[in-house]
């Protein structure tokens, strides 16, 4: 069994994490990211410089990965209040943990998502992104910010609208 495991392809360990978009699941990730980016407007995304007082504590720095260049706060699909207020409460809780109950802390944590932009990539604190995986928010931010690292092909868009006529 160990011999079989040692012979498995491990090239993914040495590639950029966006190379996962070339896999089977990549089309689904791109499609979800594209849908997410299309739903966002200026009120559902807040850009925050890392020099901002509330942005002083970042997950990247806590993990020893360096300081992010920018923070992005994105709202949930069903917000529980004003995004600026939710963002402020979440960042305060991250930098100065309070002695609130577990339920209160969970409500704050899940009120909005914080994306850290570092080295041209985005890292999200949603349940999927928190594990370091790609999520619709990270892919959507690449699309929204036009980083050029995520290509939106006709295949991505056509999956969402199978009844549209094909382009000539």
Protein backbone atom coordinates (compact mmCIF):
# COMPACT_ATOMS: atom_id res chain seq x y z
CA UNK A 1 0.00 0.00 0.00
CA UNK A 2 2.81 2.44 0.84
CA UNK A 3 4.51 1.61 -2.42
CA UNK A 4 1.30 2.43 -4.34
CA UNK A 5 0.92 5.72 -2.50
CA UNK A 6 4.53 6.67 -3.17
CA UNK A 7 3.97 6.21 -6.90
CA UNK A 8 0.96 8.54 -7.08
CA UNK A 9 1.38 11.82 -8.91
CA UNK A 10 2.28 14.59 -6.47
CA UNK A 11 3.01 17.33 -8.99
CA UNK A 12 0.04 19.34 -7.68
CA UNK A 13 2.04 20.04 -4.52
CA UNK A 14 4.54 22.09 -6.50
CA UNK A 15 2.10 24.01 -8.68
CA UNK A 16 0.19 27.23 -8.11
CA UNK A 17 -3.15 26.53 -6.45
CA UNK A 18 -4.99 28.10 -9.40
CA UNK A 19 -3.77 25.17 -11.49
CA UNK A 20 -6.61 23.25 -9.84
CA UNK A 21 -8.93 25.09 -12.23
CA UNK A 22 -7.62 22.86 -15.01
CA UNK A 23 -8.99 19.79 -13.22
CA UNK A 24 -12.43 18.21 -13.51
CA UNK A 25 -13.80 20.43 -10.76
CA UNK A 26 -12.27 23.55 -12.32
CA UNK A 27 -15.18 24.27 -14.64
CA UNK A 28 -17.63 24.09 -11.73
CA UNK A 29 -15.41 26.41 -9.63
CA UNK A 30 -15.09 28.91 -12.48
CA UNK A 31 -18.83 28.81 -13.11
CA UNK A 32 -19.65 29.39 -9.44
CA UNK A 33 -17.05 32.17 -9.25
CA UNK A 34 -18.40 33.84 -12.37
CA UNK A 35 -21.98 33.69 -11.03
CA UNK A 36 -20.82 35.16 -7.70
CA UNK A 37 -18.91 37.99 -9.42
CA UNK A 38 -21.96 38.88 -11.54
CA UNK A 39 -24.18 39.20 -8.44
CA UNK A 40 -21.85 41.59 -6.60
CA UNK A 41 -22.31 45.33 -6.65
CA UNK A 42 -20.44 48.22 -5.05
CA UNK A 43 -22.42 47.87 -1.80
CA UNK A 44 -21.67 44.17 -1.37
CA UNK A 45 -17.85 44.47 -1.54
CA UNK A 46 -15.67 46.70 0.62
CA UNK A 47 -11.99 47.32 -0.18
CA UNK A 48 -9.92 47.93 2.93
CA UNK A 49 -6.22 48.85 3.01
CA UNK A 50 -4.15 46.65 5.32
CA UNK A 51 -2.80 49.81 6.96
CA UNK A 52 -6.29 50.45 8.34
CA UNK A 53 -6.41 50.10 12.13
CA UNK A 54 -9.04 47.35 12.09
CA UNK A 55 -7.15 45.36 9.46
CA UNK A 56 -4.08 45.04 11.65
CA UNK A 57 -4.72 41.37 12.45
CA UNK A 58 -4.76 39.12 9.41
CA UNK A 59 -4.91 35.36 9.10
CA UNK A 60 -1.92 35.42 6.72
CA UNK A 61 0.30 37.08 9.28
CA UNK A 62 -0.91 34.78 12.06
CA UNK A 63 0.01 31.77 9.89
CA UNK A 64 3.44 33.22 9.08
CA UNK A 65 2.63 33.74 5.39
CA UNK A 66 3.32 37.46 5.33
CA UNK A 67 1.19 40.55 5.23
CA UNK A 68 -1.55 40.76 2.59
CA UNK A 69 -1.57 43.73 0.24
CA UNK A 70 -5.30 44.36 0.59
CA UNK A 71 -8.41 43.12 2.37
CA UNK A 72 -11.78 42.70 0.71
CA UNK A 73 -14.95 42.30 2.75
CA UNK A 74 -17.80 40.62 0.92
CA UNK A 75 -21.37 40.29 2.04
CA UNK A 76 -23.33 37.10 2.33
CA UNK A 77 -26.16 36.31 -0.06
CA UNK A 78 -28.63 37.03 2.75
CA UNK A 79 -27.02 39.81 4.84
CA UNK A 80 -27.91 40.24 8.50
CA UNK A 81 -27.36 44.00 8.48
CA UNK A 82 -25.25 46.77 6.98
CA UNK A 83 -22.00 45.38 5.54
CA UNK A 84 -19.88 48.17 7.06
CA UNK A 85 -21.17 47.39 10.55
CA UNK A 86 -20.75 43.64 10.07
CA UNK A 87 -17.23 44.17 8.75
CA UNK A 88 -16.28 46.36 11.68
CA UNK A 89 -17.61 43.86 14.23
CA UNK A 90 -15.82 40.97 12.53
CA UNK A 91 -12.47 42.74 12.29
CA UNK A 92 -12.67 43.92 15.90
CA UNK A 93 -13.41 40.36 17.01
CA UNK A 94 -10.47 39.08 14.96
CA UNK A 95 -8.00 41.60 16.39
CA UNK A 96 -9.29 41.68 19.96
CA UNK A 97 -11.23 38.50 20.80
CA UNK A 98 -14.01 39.19 23.25
CA UNK A 99 -15.57 36.98 25.88
CA UNK A 100 -18.89 36.72 24.05
CA UNK A 101 -20.73 33.41 23.91
CA UNK A 102 -19.92 30.83 21.26
CA UNK A 103 -23.20 31.53 19.43
CA UNK A 104 -22.51 35.28 19.34
CA UNK A 105 -18.97 34.71 18.03
CA UNK A 106 -20.25 32.31 15.38
CA UNK A 107 -22.84 34.85 14.26
CA UNK A 108 -20.09 37.51 13.91
CA UNK A 109 -17.77 35.11 12.08
CA UNK A 110 -20.45 34.14 9.56
CA UNK A 111 -21.83 37.67 9.07
CA UNK A 112 -19.52 38.42 6.12
CA UNK A 113 -16.38 37.01 4.51
CA UNK A 114 -12.91 38.52 4.58
CA UNK A 115 -10.68 37.93 1.57
CA UNK A 116 -6.98 38.63 1.92
CA UNK A 117 -5.17 39.52 -1.28
CA UNK A 118 -1.60 38.28 -1.16
CA UNK A 119 0.89 37.78 -4.00
CA UNK A 120 -1.82 38.21 -6.65
CA UNK A 121 -4.12 35.57 -5.15
CA UNK A 122 -7.11 35.74 -2.83
CA UNK A 123 -7.64 33.78 0.39
CA UNK A 124 -11.13 33.66 1.89
CA UNK A 125 -12.32 32.88 5.40
CA UNK A 126 -15.58 31.22 4.31
CA UNK A 127 -15.96 27.56 5.39
CA UNK A 128 -14.45 26.29 2.11
CA UNK A 129 -11.78 28.95 1.68
CA UNK A 130 -10.70 28.81 5.33
CA UNK A 131 -9.12 25.42 4.60
CA UNK A 132 -7.00 27.00 1.87
CA UNK A 133 -9.23 25.65 -0.88
CA UNK A 134 -10.48 27.65 -3.82
CA UNK A 135 -14.03 28.90 -3.33
CA UNK A 136 -16.48 30.92 -5.39
CA UNK A 137 -15.34 34.10 -3.61
CA UNK A 138 -11.65 33.68 -4.51
CA UNK A 139 -12.40 32.79 -8.13
CA UNK A 140 -15.02 35.55 -8.31
CA UNK A 141 -12.54 38.14 -7.06
CA UNK A 142 -10.04 37.09 -9.74
CA UNK A 143 -12.77 37.59 -12.32
CA UNK A 144 -14.04 40.83 -10.75
CA UNK A 145 -10.54 42.34 -10.44
CA UNK A 146 -9.52 41.06 -13.88
CA UNK A 147 -6.24 39.61 -12.66
CA UNK A 148 -5.90 37.54 -15.82
CA UNK A 149 -5.26 34.40 -13.79
CA UNK A 150 -8.78 32.98 -14.26
CA UNK A 151 -10.05 32.73 -17.80
CA UNK A 152 -13.80 32.97 -18.28
CA UNK A 153 -14.53 31.01 -21.41
CA UNK A 154 -17.77 30.68 -23.31
CA UNK A 155 -18.06 27.21 -21.81
CA UNK A 156 -18.31 28.71 -18.31
CA UNK A 157 -21.05 31.11 -19.33
CA UNK A 158 -22.94 28.64 -21.55
CA UNK A 159 -23.24 26.13 -18.72
CA UNK A 160 -25.37 28.71 -16.93
CA UNK A 161 -27.56 29.44 -19.91
CA UNK A 162 -28.01 26.30 -22.04
CA UNK A 163 -30.99 27.78 -23.84
CA UNK A 164 -29.18 30.81 -25.26
CA UNK A 165 -28.33 30.64 -28.95
CA UNK A 166 -24.71 29.79 -29.69
CA UNK A 167 -22.56 32.71 -30.87
CA UNK A 168 -21.90 32.78 -34.62
